[in-house]
């Protein structure tokens, strides 16, 4: 895990790859729970029998389920000390290039893309994130994750 001690260290690390999260298995239980929470019960996610004959041969995770794991994965990769707080400020350019089949394992890799002071007095930090699928060439998700770091 990469630990930053204040905003100056973050600014000095722009362009660095910060590392990878742990691998996480995507289970049917997670998919079903996500479907309940979001009211998205499309068969390709929640009906294993029907999905066997579908385009992926099994159920797949919702793209937003994969994306929702991002916060937890980021905190496995880096932490920031010596600041009052770090806020999730949003996302840019989110894409889901490849489906995540039930039973697959995913992990995030993160590059620190930029760090710029903003009017609020904080620093807006943008991370380039790639969520990989173990054993696959194409990623599950690519996104720019934005954090607001307050001194």
Protein backbone atom coordinates (compact mmCIF):
# COMPACT_ATOMS: atom_id res chain seq x y z
CA UNK A 1 0.00 0.00 0.00
CA UNK A 2 1.22 3.46 -0.91
CA UNK A 3 0.97 6.00 1.92
CA UNK A 4 1.06 9.71 1.17
CA UNK A 5 1.94 12.14 3.95
CA UNK A 6 0.12 15.28 2.89
CA UNK A 7 -0.80 16.92 -0.37
CA UNK A 8 2.77 17.76 -1.41
CA UNK A 9 3.63 14.06 -1.61
CA UNK A 10 0.55 13.46 -3.75
CA UNK A 11 1.54 16.26 -6.11
CA UNK A 12 5.05 14.79 -6.34
CA UNK A 13 3.70 11.38 -7.34
CA UNK A 14 1.71 12.45 -10.41
CA UNK A 15 2.35 9.98 -13.20
CA UNK A 16 3.18 7.07 -10.85
CA UNK A 17 1.42 3.72 -10.92
CA UNK A 18 0.39 3.19 -7.30
CA UNK A 19 -0.19 -0.55 -7.41
CA UNK A 20 -3.00 -3.09 -7.36
CA UNK A 21 -5.77 -4.10 -5.01
CA UNK A 22 -6.32 -7.68 -3.89
CA UNK A 23 -8.22 -10.01 -6.22
CA UNK A 24 -11.97 -10.23 -5.41
CA UNK A 25 -14.24 -13.03 -6.57
CA UNK A 26 -17.61 -11.98 -7.93
CA UNK A 27 -20.28 -14.30 -6.55
CA UNK A 28 -23.88 -14.88 -7.53
CA UNK A 29 -24.83 -13.76 -4.02
CA UNK A 30 -23.20 -10.37 -4.61
CA UNK A 31 -24.94 -10.05 -7.96
CA UNK A 32 -28.32 -10.94 -6.47
CA UNK A 33 -27.87 -8.54 -3.55
CA UNK A 34 -26.90 -5.76 -5.96
CA UNK A 35 -29.98 -6.53 -8.07
CA UNK A 36 -32.16 -6.20 -4.96
CA UNK A 37 -30.52 -2.94 -3.93
CA UNK A 38 -30.82 -1.35 -7.39
CA UNK A 39 -34.03 -3.01 -8.60
CA UNK A 40 -32.18 -4.25 -11.71
CA UNK A 41 -33.27 -7.88 -12.09
CA UNK A 42 -32.34 -8.43 -15.74
CA UNK A 43 -32.06 -12.17 -16.39
CA UNK A 44 -28.48 -11.93 -17.62
CA UNK A 45 -27.53 -11.10 -14.01
CA UNK A 46 -29.94 -13.06 -11.82
CA UNK A 47 -31.14 -16.14 -13.74
CA UNK A 48 -28.30 -18.69 -13.95
CA UNK A 49 -30.40 -21.25 -15.84
CA UNK A 50 -31.47 -18.85 -18.57
CA UNK A 51 -28.00 -17.25 -18.69
CA UNK A 52 -26.44 -20.62 -19.57
CA UNK A 53 -27.95 -20.18 -23.03
CA UNK A 54 -27.16 -16.46 -23.18
CA UNK A 55 -24.27 -14.71 -24.88
CA UNK A 56 -21.80 -15.27 -21.99
CA UNK A 57 -22.73 -18.81 -20.95
CA UNK A 58 -23.41 -17.73 -17.36
CA UNK A 59 -24.63 -14.77 -15.37
CA UNK A 60 -22.57 -11.58 -15.37
CA UNK A 61 -22.14 -8.82 -12.82
CA UNK A 62 -23.87 -5.52 -13.37
CA UNK A 63 -21.35 -2.98 -14.66
CA UNK A 64 -22.29 -0.72 -11.77
CA UNK A 65 -21.61 -3.54 -9.31
CA UNK A 66 -18.07 -3.76 -10.65
CA UNK A 67 -17.76 0.02 -10.43
CA UNK A 68 -19.15 0.08 -6.88
CA UNK A 69 -16.21 -2.05 -5.69
CA UNK A 70 -13.86 0.74 -6.71
CA UNK A 71 -13.90 2.60 -3.38
CA UNK A 72 -12.90 -0.47 -1.38
CA UNK A 73 -10.23 -1.41 -3.92
CA UNK A 74 -8.75 2.09 -3.92
CA UNK A 75 -8.35 2.03 -0.13
CA UNK A 76 -6.33 -1.18 -0.51
CA UNK A 77 -3.92 0.64 -2.84
CA UNK A 78 -3.28 3.98 -1.17
CA UNK A 79 -4.01 6.11 1.86
CA UNK A 80 -3.45 9.75 2.63
CA UNK A 81 -2.31 10.88 6.06
CA UNK A 82 -1.92 14.40 7.39
CA UNK A 83 -5.06 15.79 5.77
CA UNK A 84 -8.44 16.61 7.32
CA UNK A 85 -10.42 14.43 4.91
CA UNK A 86 -10.61 12.86 1.48
CA UNK A 87 -13.92 12.91 -0.38
CA UNK A 88 -15.08 10.84 -3.34
CA UNK A 89 -15.78 13.64 -5.81
CA UNK A 90 -16.96 11.61 -8.81
CA UNK A 91 -15.91 9.85 -11.96
CA UNK A 92 -14.99 10.68 -15.56
CA UNK A 93 -15.02 8.54 -18.70
CA UNK A 94 -16.37 5.30 -17.22
CA UNK A 95 -16.48 2.33 -19.61
CA UNK A 96 -17.16 -1.40 -19.23
CA UNK A 97 -15.14 -3.06 -22.03
CA UNK A 98 -15.69 -6.66 -20.92
CA UNK A 99 -18.37 -8.45 -18.86
CA UNK A 100 -17.49 -9.99 -15.50
CA UNK A 101 -18.79 -13.55 -15.38
CA UNK A 102 -19.94 -14.98 -12.06
CA UNK A 103 -16.98 -16.63 -10.33
CA UNK A 104 -14.43 -14.35 -12.01
CA UNK A 105 -11.89 -12.45 -9.97
CA UNK A 106 -11.23 -8.74 -10.41
CA UNK A 107 -8.70 -6.26 -9.10
CA UNK A 108 -7.97 -2.57 -9.61
CA UNK A 109 -4.75 -1.02 -10.81
CA UNK A 110 -4.30 2.72 -10.23
CA UNK A 111 -2.16 5.46 -11.72
CA UNK A 112 -2.12 8.94 -10.19
CA UNK A 113 -3.01 11.09 -13.21
CA UNK A 114 -3.15 14.61 -11.78
CA UNK A 115 -3.34 16.73 -8.63
CA UNK A 116 -4.51 20.33 -8.85
CA UNK A 117 -5.45 22.93 -6.25
CA UNK A 118 -9.11 24.02 -6.40
CA UNK A 119 -11.00 27.07 -5.13
CA UNK A 120 -12.33 25.22 -2.07
CA UNK A 121 -8.78 25.13 -0.72
CA UNK A 122 -8.41 21.44 -1.39
CA UNK A 123 -6.63 19.45 -4.05
CA UNK A 124 -8.51 17.60 -6.77
CA UNK A 125 -6.77 14.31 -7.46
CA UNK A 126 -7.58 12.21 -10.52
CA UNK A 127 -6.71 8.52 -10.62
CA UNK A 128 -6.71 6.44 -13.80
CA UNK A 129 -8.24 3.14 -12.77
CA UNK A 130 -8.34 -0.16 -14.64
CA UNK A 131 -10.35 -3.00 -13.12
CA UNK A 132 -8.85 -6.19 -14.54
CA UNK A 133 -10.43 -9.61 -14.86
CA UNK A 134 -8.05 -12.40 -13.93
CA UNK A 135 -6.99 -14.33 -17.03
CA UNK A 136 -8.67 -11.97 -19.51
CA UNK A 137 -7.07 -9.54 -21.96
CA UNK A 138 -9.72 -6.85 -21.75
CA UNK A 139 -10.56 -5.03 -18.52
CA UNK A 140 -13.93 -5.04 -16.81
CA UNK A 141 -13.90 -1.28 -16.24
CA UNK A 142 -11.77 1.75 -16.99
CA UNK A 143 -12.48 5.06 -15.29
CA UNK A 144 -11.08 8.28 -13.96
CA UNK A 145 -11.82 8.47 -10.25
CA UNK A 146 -11.76 11.92 -8.68
CA UNK A 147 -10.98 12.63 -5.03
CA UNK A 148 -11.04 15.95 -3.23
CA UNK A 149 -8.31 16.07 -0.60
CA UNK A 150 -8.74 18.72 2.08
CA UNK A 151 -5.72 19.97 4.05
